[in-house]
N, C-alpha and C. Protein backbone atom coordinates (compact mmCIF):
# COMPACT_ATOMS: atom_id res chain seq x y z
N MET A 1 2.81 30.82 7.63
CA MET A 1 3.81 29.86 7.20
C MET A 1 3.23 28.46 7.35
N SER A 2 3.11 27.76 6.24
CA SER A 2 2.52 26.42 6.30
C SER A 2 3.62 25.37 6.32
N ASP A 3 3.34 24.28 7.04
CA ASP A 3 4.29 23.20 7.19
C ASP A 3 3.76 21.99 6.43
N ASN A 4 4.41 21.58 5.36
CA ASN A 4 3.94 20.47 4.54
C ASN A 4 4.46 19.12 5.01
N THR A 5 5.25 19.07 6.08
CA THR A 5 5.82 17.81 6.51
C THR A 5 4.81 16.93 7.23
N ASN A 6 3.75 17.49 7.77
CA ASN A 6 2.77 16.72 8.52
C ASN A 6 1.56 16.31 7.70
N LYS A 7 1.58 16.55 6.40
CA LYS A 7 0.44 16.19 5.57
C LYS A 7 0.42 14.69 5.32
N ILE A 8 -0.78 14.14 5.34
CA ILE A 8 -0.95 12.72 5.05
C ILE A 8 -0.91 12.55 3.53
N PRO A 9 -0.05 11.63 3.03
CA PRO A 9 0.01 11.44 1.58
C PRO A 9 -1.30 10.85 1.05
N VAL A 10 -1.76 11.38 -0.07
CA VAL A 10 -3.01 10.93 -0.67
C VAL A 10 -2.67 10.28 -2.01
N TYR A 11 -3.18 9.09 -2.21
CA TYR A 11 -2.98 8.39 -3.48
C TYR A 11 -4.19 8.67 -4.35
N LEU A 12 -3.94 9.13 -5.56
CA LEU A 12 -5.02 9.52 -6.46
C LEU A 12 -5.25 8.47 -7.54
N PHE A 13 -6.52 8.27 -7.87
CA PHE A 13 -6.92 7.42 -8.99
C PHE A 13 -7.86 8.24 -9.85
N LYS A 14 -7.47 8.48 -11.08
CA LYS A 14 -8.22 9.33 -12.01
C LYS A 14 -8.49 10.72 -11.41
N GLY A 15 -7.48 11.26 -10.73
CA GLY A 15 -7.57 12.61 -10.18
C GLY A 15 -8.35 12.73 -8.89
N LYS A 16 -8.83 11.62 -8.33
CA LYS A 16 -9.60 11.65 -7.09
C LYS A 16 -8.96 10.72 -6.07
N PRO A 17 -9.09 11.02 -4.78
CA PRO A 17 -8.55 10.11 -3.76
C PRO A 17 -9.26 8.75 -3.82
N LEU A 18 -8.54 7.72 -3.39
CA LEU A 18 -9.14 6.39 -3.36
C LEU A 18 -10.34 6.35 -2.43
N GLN A 19 -11.31 5.52 -2.78
CA GLN A 19 -12.50 5.36 -1.95
C GLN A 19 -12.27 4.24 -0.94
N SER A 20 -13.20 4.11 -0.02
CA SER A 20 -13.13 3.08 1.01
C SER A 20 -13.13 1.70 0.37
N LYS A 21 -12.52 0.75 1.07
CA LYS A 21 -12.49 -0.59 0.50
C LYS A 21 -13.84 -1.29 0.62
N PHE A 22 -14.70 -0.84 1.50
CA PHE A 22 -15.99 -1.48 1.69
C PHE A 22 -17.12 -0.78 0.91
N ASN A 23 -17.21 0.51 0.98
CA ASN A 23 -18.29 1.25 0.31
C ASN A 23 -17.70 2.09 -0.81
N ASN A 24 -17.58 1.48 -1.98
CA ASN A 24 -17.07 2.23 -3.13
C ASN A 24 -17.94 1.93 -4.33
N ASP A 25 -17.80 2.76 -5.34
CA ASP A 25 -18.59 2.54 -6.55
C ASP A 25 -17.70 2.21 -7.75
N TYR A 26 -16.57 1.55 -7.48
CA TYR A 26 -15.69 1.11 -8.56
C TYR A 26 -16.30 -0.12 -9.23
N ASN A 27 -16.21 -0.17 -10.55
CA ASN A 27 -16.61 -1.40 -11.22
C ASN A 27 -15.39 -2.33 -11.29
N ARG A 28 -15.58 -3.51 -11.82
CA ARG A 28 -14.52 -4.52 -11.82
C ARG A 28 -13.28 -4.03 -12.59
N ALA A 29 -13.48 -3.38 -13.71
CA ALA A 29 -12.35 -2.90 -14.51
C ALA A 29 -11.55 -1.84 -13.76
N GLU A 30 -12.24 -0.95 -13.05
CA GLU A 30 -11.54 0.09 -12.29
C GLU A 30 -10.77 -0.52 -11.12
N LYS A 31 -11.33 -1.54 -10.49
CA LYS A 31 -10.64 -2.20 -9.38
C LYS A 31 -9.34 -2.83 -9.86
N ILE A 32 -9.40 -3.48 -11.00
CA ILE A 32 -8.19 -4.08 -11.56
C ILE A 32 -7.19 -3.00 -11.95
N GLU A 33 -7.69 -1.90 -12.48
CA GLU A 33 -6.83 -0.78 -12.88
C GLU A 33 -6.12 -0.17 -11.66
N ILE A 34 -6.82 -0.07 -10.53
CA ILE A 34 -6.21 0.46 -9.30
C ILE A 34 -5.08 -0.45 -8.85
N ILE A 35 -5.34 -1.75 -8.85
CA ILE A 35 -4.33 -2.71 -8.42
C ILE A 35 -3.10 -2.64 -9.32
N LEU A 36 -3.33 -2.59 -10.63
CA LEU A 36 -2.22 -2.51 -11.58
C LEU A 36 -1.47 -1.18 -11.45
N GLN A 37 -2.20 -0.10 -11.20
CA GLN A 37 -1.56 1.20 -11.03
C GLN A 37 -0.68 1.21 -9.78
N LEU A 38 -1.16 0.63 -8.69
CA LEU A 38 -0.34 0.53 -7.48
C LEU A 38 0.93 -0.27 -7.76
N GLN A 39 0.79 -1.41 -8.43
CA GLN A 39 1.94 -2.25 -8.73
C GLN A 39 2.92 -1.53 -9.66
N ASN A 40 2.42 -0.85 -10.68
CA ASN A 40 3.30 -0.13 -11.61
C ASN A 40 4.01 1.03 -10.92
N ASP A 41 3.29 1.77 -10.07
CA ASP A 41 3.93 2.86 -9.34
C ASP A 41 5.01 2.33 -8.40
N PHE A 42 4.77 1.17 -7.81
CA PHE A 42 5.78 0.56 -6.95
C PHE A 42 6.99 0.14 -7.77
N ASP A 43 6.75 -0.50 -8.90
CA ASP A 43 7.86 -0.95 -9.76
C ASP A 43 8.69 0.22 -10.27
N ASN A 44 8.05 1.37 -10.48
CA ASN A 44 8.77 2.56 -10.97
C ASN A 44 9.36 3.40 -9.85
N GLY A 45 9.15 3.01 -8.60
CA GLY A 45 9.74 3.71 -7.46
C GLY A 45 9.00 4.97 -7.06
N ILE A 46 7.75 5.10 -7.44
CA ILE A 46 6.98 6.30 -7.13
C ILE A 46 6.33 6.22 -5.75
N LEU A 47 5.96 5.03 -5.32
CA LEU A 47 5.25 4.87 -4.04
C LEU A 47 6.21 4.91 -2.86
N SER A 48 5.84 5.65 -1.85
CA SER A 48 6.62 5.67 -0.61
C SER A 48 5.93 4.79 0.43
N PRO A 49 6.66 4.34 1.43
CA PRO A 49 6.03 3.57 2.50
C PRO A 49 4.94 4.37 3.22
N HIS A 50 5.09 5.68 3.32
CA HIS A 50 4.08 6.51 3.99
C HIS A 50 2.77 6.51 3.22
N THR A 51 2.85 6.54 1.90
CA THR A 51 1.64 6.50 1.09
C THR A 51 0.93 5.16 1.25
N LEU A 52 1.70 4.08 1.24
CA LEU A 52 1.12 2.75 1.41
C LEU A 52 0.48 2.61 2.80
N LEU A 53 1.14 3.13 3.82
CA LEU A 53 0.58 3.06 5.17
C LEU A 53 -0.70 3.88 5.29
N SER A 54 -0.77 5.02 4.60
CA SER A 54 -2.01 5.80 4.67
C SER A 54 -3.16 5.07 3.98
N ILE A 55 -2.87 4.30 2.91
CA ILE A 55 -3.90 3.50 2.26
C ILE A 55 -4.40 2.42 3.21
N ILE A 56 -3.49 1.80 3.95
CA ILE A 56 -3.86 0.72 4.86
C ILE A 56 -4.63 1.25 6.06
N TYR A 57 -4.10 2.29 6.71
CA TYR A 57 -4.74 2.79 7.94
C TYR A 57 -6.09 3.44 7.68
N ASN A 58 -6.28 4.02 6.50
CA ASN A 58 -7.56 4.64 6.17
C ASN A 58 -8.54 3.65 5.53
N LYS A 59 -8.13 2.38 5.42
CA LYS A 59 -8.98 1.31 4.88
C LYS A 59 -9.52 1.66 3.50
N LEU A 60 -8.59 2.07 2.62
CA LEU A 60 -8.96 2.42 1.26
C LEU A 60 -8.85 1.21 0.36
N TYR A 61 -9.49 1.29 -0.80
CA TYR A 61 -9.42 0.18 -1.74
C TYR A 61 -7.97 0.01 -2.19
N GLY A 62 -7.50 -1.22 -2.21
CA GLY A 62 -6.13 -1.52 -2.56
C GLY A 62 -5.25 -1.74 -1.35
N SER A 63 -5.84 -1.80 -0.16
CA SER A 63 -5.04 -1.93 1.06
C SER A 63 -4.33 -3.29 1.12
N PHE A 64 -4.96 -4.36 0.59
CA PHE A 64 -4.27 -5.65 0.59
C PHE A 64 -3.03 -5.61 -0.29
N VAL A 65 -3.13 -4.95 -1.43
CA VAL A 65 -1.98 -4.81 -2.31
C VAL A 65 -0.90 -3.96 -1.63
N ALA A 66 -1.32 -2.94 -0.88
CA ALA A 66 -0.37 -2.09 -0.17
C ALA A 66 0.40 -2.89 0.88
N VAL A 67 -0.28 -3.80 1.59
CA VAL A 67 0.40 -4.66 2.57
C VAL A 67 1.41 -5.55 1.86
N ARG A 68 1.01 -6.12 0.74
CA ARG A 68 1.90 -6.98 -0.03
C ARG A 68 3.13 -6.21 -0.53
N LEU A 69 2.92 -4.97 -0.96
CA LEU A 69 4.03 -4.15 -1.45
C LEU A 69 4.96 -3.74 -0.30
N LEU A 70 4.39 -3.44 0.87
CA LEU A 70 5.24 -3.14 2.03
C LEU A 70 6.07 -4.36 2.41
N ASN A 71 5.48 -5.54 2.33
CA ASN A 71 6.22 -6.76 2.62
C ASN A 71 7.37 -6.93 1.64
N GLU A 72 7.11 -6.63 0.38
CA GLU A 72 8.16 -6.73 -0.64
C GLU A 72 9.26 -5.69 -0.38
N MET A 73 8.88 -4.50 0.06
CA MET A 73 9.88 -3.48 0.41
C MET A 73 10.76 -3.95 1.56
N GLN A 74 10.15 -4.63 2.52
CA GLN A 74 10.93 -5.12 3.65
C GLN A 74 11.87 -6.24 3.22
N GLN A 75 11.43 -7.11 2.33
CA GLN A 75 12.28 -8.20 1.85
C GLN A 75 13.45 -7.67 1.02
N LYS A 76 13.25 -6.55 0.31
CA LYS A 76 14.32 -5.95 -0.50
C LYS A 76 15.16 -4.96 0.30
N ASN A 77 14.91 -4.86 1.62
CA ASN A 77 15.62 -3.96 2.53
C ASN A 77 15.46 -2.49 2.17
N ILE A 78 14.33 -2.14 1.55
CA ILE A 78 14.02 -0.73 1.32
C ILE A 78 13.57 -0.11 2.64
N ILE A 79 12.79 -0.84 3.39
CA ILE A 79 12.46 -0.46 4.77
C ILE A 79 13.07 -1.52 5.68
N LYS A 80 13.60 -1.09 6.79
CA LYS A 80 14.35 -2.01 7.66
C LYS A 80 13.45 -2.75 8.64
N THR A 81 12.43 -2.08 9.15
CA THR A 81 11.59 -2.70 10.17
C THR A 81 10.15 -2.79 9.70
N ASN A 82 9.42 -3.66 10.34
CA ASN A 82 8.00 -3.80 10.08
C ASN A 82 7.30 -2.54 10.59
N PRO A 83 6.60 -1.80 9.75
CA PRO A 83 6.00 -0.53 10.20
C PRO A 83 4.83 -0.72 11.17
N PHE A 84 4.30 -1.92 11.28
CA PHE A 84 3.18 -2.16 12.18
C PHE A 84 3.63 -2.55 13.58
N THR A 85 4.73 -3.30 13.68
CA THR A 85 5.20 -3.78 14.98
C THR A 85 6.56 -3.21 15.39
N ASN A 86 7.23 -2.51 14.49
CA ASN A 86 8.55 -1.92 14.73
C ASN A 86 9.59 -2.95 15.15
N ASP A 87 9.52 -4.12 14.55
CA ASP A 87 10.57 -5.11 14.74
C ASP A 87 10.97 -5.66 13.37
N ASN A 88 11.82 -6.67 13.36
CA ASN A 88 12.34 -7.19 12.10
C ASN A 88 11.53 -8.35 11.54
N LYS A 89 10.43 -8.71 12.17
CA LYS A 89 9.62 -9.81 11.68
C LYS A 89 8.95 -9.40 10.38
N PRO A 90 8.80 -10.35 9.44
CA PRO A 90 8.15 -10.00 8.17
C PRO A 90 6.66 -9.68 8.37
N ILE A 91 6.14 -8.85 7.49
CA ILE A 91 4.73 -8.48 7.56
C ILE A 91 3.87 -9.69 7.22
N LEU A 92 4.18 -10.34 6.12
CA LEU A 92 3.50 -11.57 5.71
C LEU A 92 4.52 -12.69 5.78
N PRO A 93 4.29 -13.70 6.62
CA PRO A 93 5.27 -14.78 6.71
C PRO A 93 5.33 -15.59 5.42
N LYS A 94 6.50 -16.14 5.16
CA LYS A 94 6.67 -16.96 3.96
C LYS A 94 5.86 -18.24 4.11
N LYS A 95 5.32 -18.71 2.99
CA LYS A 95 4.54 -19.94 3.02
C LYS A 95 5.47 -21.14 3.15
N THR A 96 5.02 -22.11 3.92
CA THR A 96 5.75 -23.35 4.06
C THR A 96 5.11 -24.41 3.18
N VAL A 97 5.64 -25.60 3.21
CA VAL A 97 5.12 -26.69 2.40
C VAL A 97 3.66 -26.99 2.77
N PHE A 98 3.33 -26.84 4.04
CA PHE A 98 2.00 -27.19 4.51
C PHE A 98 0.96 -26.11 4.23
N ASP A 99 1.38 -24.91 3.83
CA ASP A 99 0.45 -23.82 3.56
C ASP A 99 -0.11 -23.88 2.15
N TRP A 100 0.45 -24.66 1.28
CA TRP A 100 -0.03 -24.72 -0.10
C TRP A 100 -1.25 -25.53 -0.14
């Protein structure tokens, strides 16, 4: 009897798992395509917070976009707490006048 609840979600790009953010062989067009695919999947409601967290913790390409999308989920109250600190502080603080 197999238990599928403990499986780590894998995000696929062209049928293969994402590569590391540091050592990958993506060209510029594929990198842009990954970023757009992450954004489109988020806009369509396909991405879960667990999938985004697995991209971040495994240091896969697109992890910065995943952090930004988690921050947007927290601002829209899709997730209630910051998954990194387990409090209500935002993941990415809002920019002030002096940050521009």
